[in-house]
Structures are given as structure tokens and as C-alpha cells.
Protein backbone atom coordinates (compact mmCIF):
# COMPACT_ATOMS: atom_id res chain seq x y z
CA MET A 1 -19.60 10.55 -1.34
CA SER A 2 -18.94 14.12 -2.32
CA ILE A 3 -16.08 16.40 -3.23
CA GLU A 4 -15.72 19.79 -1.60
CA SER A 5 -13.22 22.62 -1.90
CA SER A 6 -11.49 23.49 1.32
CA ASP A 7 -11.84 27.10 2.37
CA ALA A 8 -8.73 27.14 4.57
CA GLU A 9 -6.33 26.95 1.63
CA THR A 10 -5.01 29.93 -0.25
CA PRO A 11 -6.82 30.65 -3.52
CA GLU A 12 -3.90 29.60 -5.74
CA VAL A 13 -3.46 26.27 -3.88
CA ALA A 14 -7.07 25.12 -3.41
CA HIS A 15 -7.31 21.38 -2.77
CA LYS A 16 -10.31 19.12 -3.06
CA THR A 17 -11.59 16.98 -0.22
CA LEU A 18 -13.30 13.63 -0.81
CA VAL A 19 -16.01 12.84 1.76
CA ILE A 20 -17.25 9.25 2.04
CA ARG A 21 -19.09 7.19 4.65
CA LYS A 22 -16.71 5.23 6.85
CA LYS A 23 -18.57 1.93 6.36
CA TRP A 24 -18.32 2.09 2.55
CA LEU A 25 -14.66 3.07 2.63
CA GLU A 26 -13.91 0.12 4.93
CA LEU A 27 -15.78 -2.27 2.62
CA ALA A 28 -13.92 -0.95 -0.42
CA VAL A 29 -10.58 -1.49 1.34
CA TYR A 30 -11.62 -5.00 2.45
CA PHE A 31 -12.51 -6.00 -1.12
CA VAL A 32 -9.28 -4.57 -2.54
CA LEU A 33 -7.29 -6.46 0.10
CA LEU A 34 -9.29 -9.62 -0.63
CA ALA A 35 -8.45 -9.34 -4.34
CA ALA A 36 -4.76 -8.79 -3.52
CA THR A 37 -4.85 -11.82 -1.20
CA ALA A 38 -6.37 -13.93 -3.97
CA LEU A 39 -3.56 -12.89 -6.34
CA TYR A 40 -1.00 -13.66 -3.63
CA ALA A 41 -2.54 -17.10 -3.03
CA ASN A 42 -2.58 -17.78 -6.78
CA ASP A 43 1.16 -17.02 -6.97
CA ALA A 44 1.80 -19.13 -3.88
CA LEU A 45 0.09 -22.10 -5.55
CA LYS A 46 2.72 -21.96 -8.29
CA LEU A 47 5.52 -22.59 -5.77
CA PRO A 48 6.74 -26.15 -5.11
CA ASN A 49 4.38 -28.17 -2.91
CA TYR A 50 5.10 -30.57 -0.10
CA SER A 51 8.20 -32.67 -0.28
CA SER A 52 9.40 -35.72 1.62
CA SER A 53 11.22 -33.48 4.11
CA GLY A 54 8.08 -31.58 5.12
CA ILE A 55 6.41 -28.38 4.02
CA GLY A 56 7.36 -27.05 0.60
CA ALA A 57 7.93 -23.46 -0.44
CA SER A 58 4.20 -22.86 -0.85
CA GLY A 59 3.24 -23.96 2.67
CA PHE A 60 3.76 -20.75 4.62
CA PRO A 61 2.53 -18.34 1.89
CA LEU A 62 -0.66 -20.38 1.47
CA LEU A 63 -1.22 -20.42 5.23
CA VAL A 64 -0.79 -16.63 5.38
CA ALA A 65 -3.11 -16.13 2.40
CA MET A 66 -5.73 -18.40 3.95
CA LEU A 67 -5.63 -16.62 7.32
CA ILE A 68 -5.79 -13.18 5.73
CA GLY A 69 -8.60 -14.25 3.40
CA VAL A 70 -10.69 -15.75 6.20
CA SER A 71 -10.13 -12.65 8.35
CA LEU A 72 -11.17 -10.36 5.51
CA LEU A 73 -14.29 -12.41 4.78
CA PHE A 74 -15.17 -12.25 8.48
CA LEU A 75 -14.72 -8.44 8.46
CA ILE A 76 -16.89 -8.12 5.35
CA VAL A 77 -19.69 -10.22 6.88
CA VAL A 78 -19.53 -8.30 10.17
CA SER A 79 -19.59 -5.01 8.30
CA PHE A 80 -22.69 -6.01 6.33
CA LEU A 81 -24.51 -7.48 9.34
CA SER A 82 -23.68 -4.76 11.86
CA LYS A 83 -26.39 -2.31 12.75
CA ALA A 84 -25.89 1.31 11.87
CA ASN A 85 -24.53 3.43 14.68
CA SER A 86 -22.96 6.83 15.00
CA GLU A 87 -19.47 5.49 14.25
CA SER A 88 -20.44 3.58 11.10
CA ASP A 89 -22.46 6.55 9.85
CA SER A 90 -19.54 8.92 10.36
CA LEU A 91 -17.88 10.50 7.37
CA VAL A 92 -14.25 10.23 6.38
CA GLU A 93 -12.60 13.14 4.63
CA ILE A 94 -9.71 12.45 2.28
CA SER A 95 -7.81 15.64 1.67
CA ARG A 96 -6.18 15.85 -1.77
CA PRO A 97 -7.68 12.66 -3.26
CA VAL A 98 -5.83 13.18 -6.55
CA GLN A 99 -2.48 13.18 -4.74
CA VAL A 100 -3.50 10.08 -2.80
CA LEU A 101 -4.48 8.31 -6.04
CA LEU A 102 -1.27 9.40 -7.78
CA SER A 103 0.79 8.18 -4.82
CA MET A 104 -0.88 4.77 -4.99
CA MET A 105 -0.25 4.62 -8.74
CA VAL A 106 3.43 5.53 -8.21
CA MET A 107 3.80 2.77 -5.61
CA VAL A 108 2.27 0.16 -7.93
CA ALA A 109 4.36 1.35 -10.90
CA VAL A 110 7.63 1.24 -8.96
CA VAL A 111 6.84 -2.23 -7.57
CA LEU A 112 6.08 -3.50 -11.08
CA ALA A 113 9.29 -1.94 -12.44
CA LEU A 114 11.47 -2.92 -9.45
CA GLU A 115 13.09 -5.88 -11.17
CA TRP A 116 14.05 -3.69 -14.14
CA LEU A 117 15.09 -0.67 -12.04
CA GLY A 118 17.04 -2.52 -9.39
CA LEU A 119 16.60 -2.28 -5.65
CA ILE A 120 18.59 0.87 -4.85
CA VAL A 121 17.29 2.90 -7.81
CA GLY A 122 13.73 1.66 -7.23
CA ILE A 123 13.66 2.62 -3.55
CA ALA A 124 15.29 6.00 -4.26
CA LEU A 125 12.83 6.73 -7.08
CA LEU A 126 9.86 5.70 -4.93
CA ALA A 127 11.00 7.90 -2.04
CA PHE A 128 11.66 10.86 -4.38
CA LEU A 129 8.28 10.63 -6.12
CA LEU A 130 6.33 10.17 -2.87
CA MET A 131 8.12 13.13 -1.29
CA LYS A 132 7.41 15.27 -4.37
CA LEU A 133 3.74 14.22 -4.45
CA GLY A 134 3.51 14.94 -0.73
CA GLY A 135 4.44 18.53 -1.39
CA GLU A 136 8.16 18.58 -0.61
CA ASN A 137 9.83 21.24 -2.74
CA ARG A 138 13.24 21.61 -1.09
CA TYR A 139 15.59 20.04 -3.59
CA SER A 140 18.30 19.69 -0.96
CA LEU A 141 16.03 17.11 0.74
CA LEU A 142 14.63 15.64 -2.47
CA LEU A 143 18.09 14.89 -3.81
CA THR A 144 19.73 13.65 -0.60
CA LEU A 145 17.15 11.70 1.43
CA PRO A 146 15.96 9.16 -1.21
CA PRO A 147 19.47 7.88 -2.06
CA LEU A 148 20.41 7.79 1.63
CA LEU A 149 17.22 5.87 2.42
CA ALA A 150 17.85 3.38 -0.39
CA LEU A 151 21.47 2.84 0.61
CA GLY A 152 20.48 2.55 4.29
CA ILE A 153 17.88 -0.12 3.56
CA TYR A 154 20.35 -1.98 1.36
CA ALA A 155 23.05 -1.80 4.04
CA ILE A 156 20.70 -3.10 6.73
CA PHE A 157 19.63 -6.08 4.65
CA VAL A 158 23.05 -6.95 3.19
CA LEU A 159 25.45 -6.05 5.98
CA VAL A 160 23.36 -6.66 9.08
CA LEU A 161 20.88 -9.36 8.05
CA GLY A 162 22.94 -11.09 5.37
CA VAL A 163 20.12 -10.99 2.81
CA TYR A 164 21.53 -10.41 -0.68
CA PHE A 165 19.58 -9.09 -3.66
CA ASP A 166 20.84 -10.62 -6.89
């Protein structure tokens, strides 16, 4: 893993590039997903169990968590046991790693604050911040697209699908 400056950028807008082996990046993602799956399964266990009429509210979420967890464990084992080849030894370059990290932090923060913010404001704020972090500087787009996206998603769920958010 190393960090390099890209030479193609202008001097005042120099960005860093994170270089990491593909195999280690895949393993890191697998373990993060496995931890998220464990948290998901833990929350699913808190839902009502089986009832006399059949599967309870926890049935499907636990099945999904189990399948994802088993798949991730299989991928981790295969990744550790696989022999090195040219593809696994290849390097992955992540341009602008700070922006990528900030974008992930924004997504987590908005999801955690979604209940307090509300659906429309939360989606609009998420879209605005991700566009801004992605380098969008045209305020005509920054101020129009996020609210339109939030209202469009709301309209699709409420008007078309009949799913209400209370």
C-alpha cells in the first residue's frame, strides 16, 4: 500500500492516489461486509420469531443474513487458499482516497440521522453532500437535483408502490 501524487493534475489541484494489492482490498471489503452482516443478523434476532401461522418477522432477514454470511466466509477462505497469480497480485489505485473516505462517512452519518432528518430531507442532504464531495460546483445543479431526486423517490414509493413512510 502506498500513496502517490498524480502528475496529470494541475499543481493547485493535486490529488493523492492510494495503491493497494487487489487481494488485500478484497479481504478488507469481505471482513467489513461480514461485520455488517453480523450486525444485521443481531438486529434480525430481536424481531418476533415463529408464530402459529408460520414464519415470523425474523425469518426472512435471518435467512438473508445466513446466506450472505456463508457466502462471505466462503469468499474469505477461497481468497486465503488461492494461489498467487497475476490477477491477485495486481494493484488497485484509488484516486482521491480522502474524498472516498469522506463520502463513506457522509453516507453513514446520513443513515444514522435519517430518522431525525426525515426521508425527503435526508435523501436531499445525502445527494447534495455526495455531489459536492464528487467535485460538483455548479450551484444550479447542487440546489435543484437533490430535492428533485428526494421528491422523485418519495413519489415512486408512495404514489406508485403504496409504501408510506410515517
